[in-house]
Protein backbone atom coordinates (compact mmCIF):
# COMPACT_ATOMS: atom_id res chain seq x y z
CA MET A 1 -81.89 235.33 -83.76
CA SER A 2 -80.39 235.54 -80.26
CA ASN A 3 -79.91 231.77 -80.14
CA ASN A 4 -78.09 231.89 -83.47
CA ARG A 5 -75.77 234.66 -82.23
CA THR A 6 -75.04 232.71 -79.02
CA LEU A 7 -74.27 229.60 -81.04
CA ASN A 8 -71.90 231.55 -83.33
CA CYS A 9 -70.07 233.06 -80.33
CA ALA A 10 -69.75 229.66 -78.70
CA MET A 11 -68.41 228.15 -81.93
CA ALA A 12 -65.88 231.01 -82.31
CA ALA A 13 -64.72 230.52 -78.72
CA LEU A 14 -64.30 226.79 -79.33
CA ILE A 15 -62.24 227.40 -82.46
CA ALA A 16 -60.07 229.98 -80.67
CA THR A 17 -59.48 227.58 -77.77
CA GLY A 18 -58.43 224.87 -80.22
CA ALA A 19 -56.04 227.23 -81.97
CA ILE A 20 -54.46 228.23 -78.65
CA GLY A 21 -54.08 224.58 -77.69
CA LEU A 22 -52.49 223.79 -81.04
CA ALA A 23 -50.02 226.66 -80.62
CA ALA A 24 -49.15 225.51 -77.11
CA SER A 25 -48.48 221.95 -78.26
CA ALA A 26 -46.29 223.23 -81.09
CA ALA A 27 -44.19 225.12 -78.53
CA SER A 28 -43.40 221.88 -76.77
CA GLY A 29 -42.62 219.98 -79.99
CA PRO A 30 -39.29 219.11 -81.63
CA ALA A 31 -38.19 222.73 -82.16
CA PHE A 32 -38.64 223.49 -78.48
CA ALA A 33 -36.72 220.35 -77.56
CA ALA A 34 -33.87 221.41 -79.85
CA GLU A 35 -33.72 224.78 -78.11
CA GLN A 36 -33.53 223.08 -74.72
CA HIS A 37 -30.73 220.82 -75.97
CA ALA A 38 -28.87 223.82 -77.36
CA GLY A 39 -29.07 225.46 -73.94
CA GLN A 40 -27.36 222.43 -72.40
CA ASP A 41 -24.58 222.71 -74.98
CA ASP A 42 -23.86 226.27 -73.84
CA GLY A 43 -22.10 225.01 -70.71
CA ALA A 44 -19.76 222.81 -72.75
CA GLU A 45 -19.02 225.66 -75.15
CA TYR A 46 -18.29 228.02 -72.28
CA GLY A 47 -15.92 225.44 -70.82
CA LYS A 48 -13.97 225.34 -74.10
CA LEU A 49 -13.88 229.13 -74.26
CA ALA A 50 -12.70 229.42 -70.65
CA ALA A 51 -9.90 226.92 -71.35
CA SER A 52 -8.69 228.92 -74.37
CA LYS A 53 -5.44 230.84 -73.93
CA ILE A 54 -6.55 233.47 -76.48
CA THR A 55 -9.67 235.54 -77.04
CA LEU A 56 -11.82 235.69 -80.15
CA SER A 57 -10.34 239.06 -81.09
CA GLN A 58 -6.81 237.63 -80.77
CA ALA A 59 -7.83 234.74 -83.04
CA ILE A 60 -9.08 237.25 -85.61
CA ASP A 61 -5.80 239.19 -85.40
CA ALA A 62 -3.75 236.00 -85.86
CA ALA A 63 -5.77 234.97 -88.92
CA GLU A 64 -5.58 238.41 -90.54
CA LYS A 65 -1.82 238.70 -89.91
CA LYS A 66 -0.98 235.28 -91.32
CA PHE A 67 -3.34 235.18 -94.32
CA GLY A 68 -4.18 238.83 -95.03
CA GLY A 69 -7.63 240.17 -95.76
CA LYS A 70 -10.26 241.22 -93.28
CA ALA A 71 -12.37 239.05 -91.00
CA VAL A 72 -16.06 239.00 -91.94
CA ASN A 73 -17.14 236.23 -89.55
CA ALA A 74 -15.60 234.53 -86.53
CA ALA A 75 -16.80 232.11 -83.87
CA LEU A 76 -15.84 229.36 -81.49
CA ASP A 77 -15.62 226.12 -83.47
CA ASN A 78 -18.12 223.81 -81.76
CA GLU A 79 -17.01 220.71 -83.64
CA GLN A 80 -13.56 220.56 -82.05
CA ALA A 81 -12.81 218.72 -78.82
CA SER A 82 -10.67 221.58 -77.48
CA ALA A 83 -10.88 225.34 -77.85
CA ALA A 84 -10.54 226.42 -81.46
CA PHE A 85 -11.82 229.36 -83.45
CA GLU A 86 -12.99 229.56 -87.03
CA VAL A 87 -12.40 232.87 -88.83
CA GLU A 88 -13.71 233.69 -92.29
CA LEU A 89 -11.49 236.15 -94.14
CA MET A 90 -12.37 238.16 -97.22
CA THR A 91 -9.59 239.07 -99.63
CA ASP A 92 -9.40 240.39 -103.17
CA LYS A 93 -9.23 236.70 -104.23
CA GLY A 94 -12.41 235.69 -102.35
CA SER A 95 -13.20 234.25 -98.95
CA GLN A 96 -11.10 231.81 -96.97
CA THR A 97 -11.81 229.96 -93.75
CA VAL A 98 -9.00 229.88 -91.20
CA ALA A 99 -8.79 227.73 -88.08
CA VAL A 100 -7.05 229.22 -85.04
CA ASP A 101 -5.91 226.96 -82.21
CA GLY A 102 -7.24 228.28 -78.90
CA ALA A 103 -4.23 227.04 -76.93
CA THR A 104 -1.39 228.23 -79.18
CA GLY A 105 -2.96 231.01 -81.24
CA GLU A 106 -1.63 229.37 -84.41
CA ALA A 107 -3.66 230.18 -87.53
CA MET A 108 -3.90 227.53 -90.24
CA SER A 109 -5.91 227.13 -93.40
CA ALA A 110 -9.11 225.19 -92.78
CA PRO A 111 -10.69 222.84 -95.33
CA ASP A 112 -13.72 224.24 -97.15
CA THR A 113 -16.76 222.36 -95.81
CA SER A 114 -19.41 224.80 -97.04
CA GLU A 115 -21.91 223.94 -99.76
CA GLY A 116 -20.06 223.38 -102.99
CA GLY A 117 -16.76 222.91 -101.18
CA GLN A 118 -14.35 220.16 -102.08
CA GLU A 119 -14.87 218.37 -98.76
CA ASP A 120 -18.55 217.72 -99.50
CA VAL A 121 -17.93 214.91 -101.98
CA GLU A 122 -19.62 211.75 -100.71
C-alpha cells in the first residue's frame, strides 16, 4: 500500500511540474512578445505627446466646443505620424469621433473606422 501511495505522489508531482513548465512556456510565447513590443512603442508615443502643443484635456475642450456633446473617450492617436488626439463625443444624435491636431489644437471630424463604419468597405 505504501509503494502505491509513493507512486501516486510521484505521479502527481510529475504532472504538477509539467503544468508549471507549460505555464512558463506560455508566458514567453506570442502574447508575451506582443507585450514587450508594446513597451517599446511607449517611448515613441511619449515622444509624440511631448511634442504636442496641447494637452489631452485641451483636445477634449476643443472637440466639445466645436462639435457639441460630451466626451466619452479620448486618447493619443497612435496611427498618426505627429501628435494628434482622437476624441469620441456623445450627443443626442449619437456618437461622433473627432480628430484634434496636437500642434494647432484644431478639431475636425474624423472618418468612422469602427466596425460597421463606412470606411470599412473593402
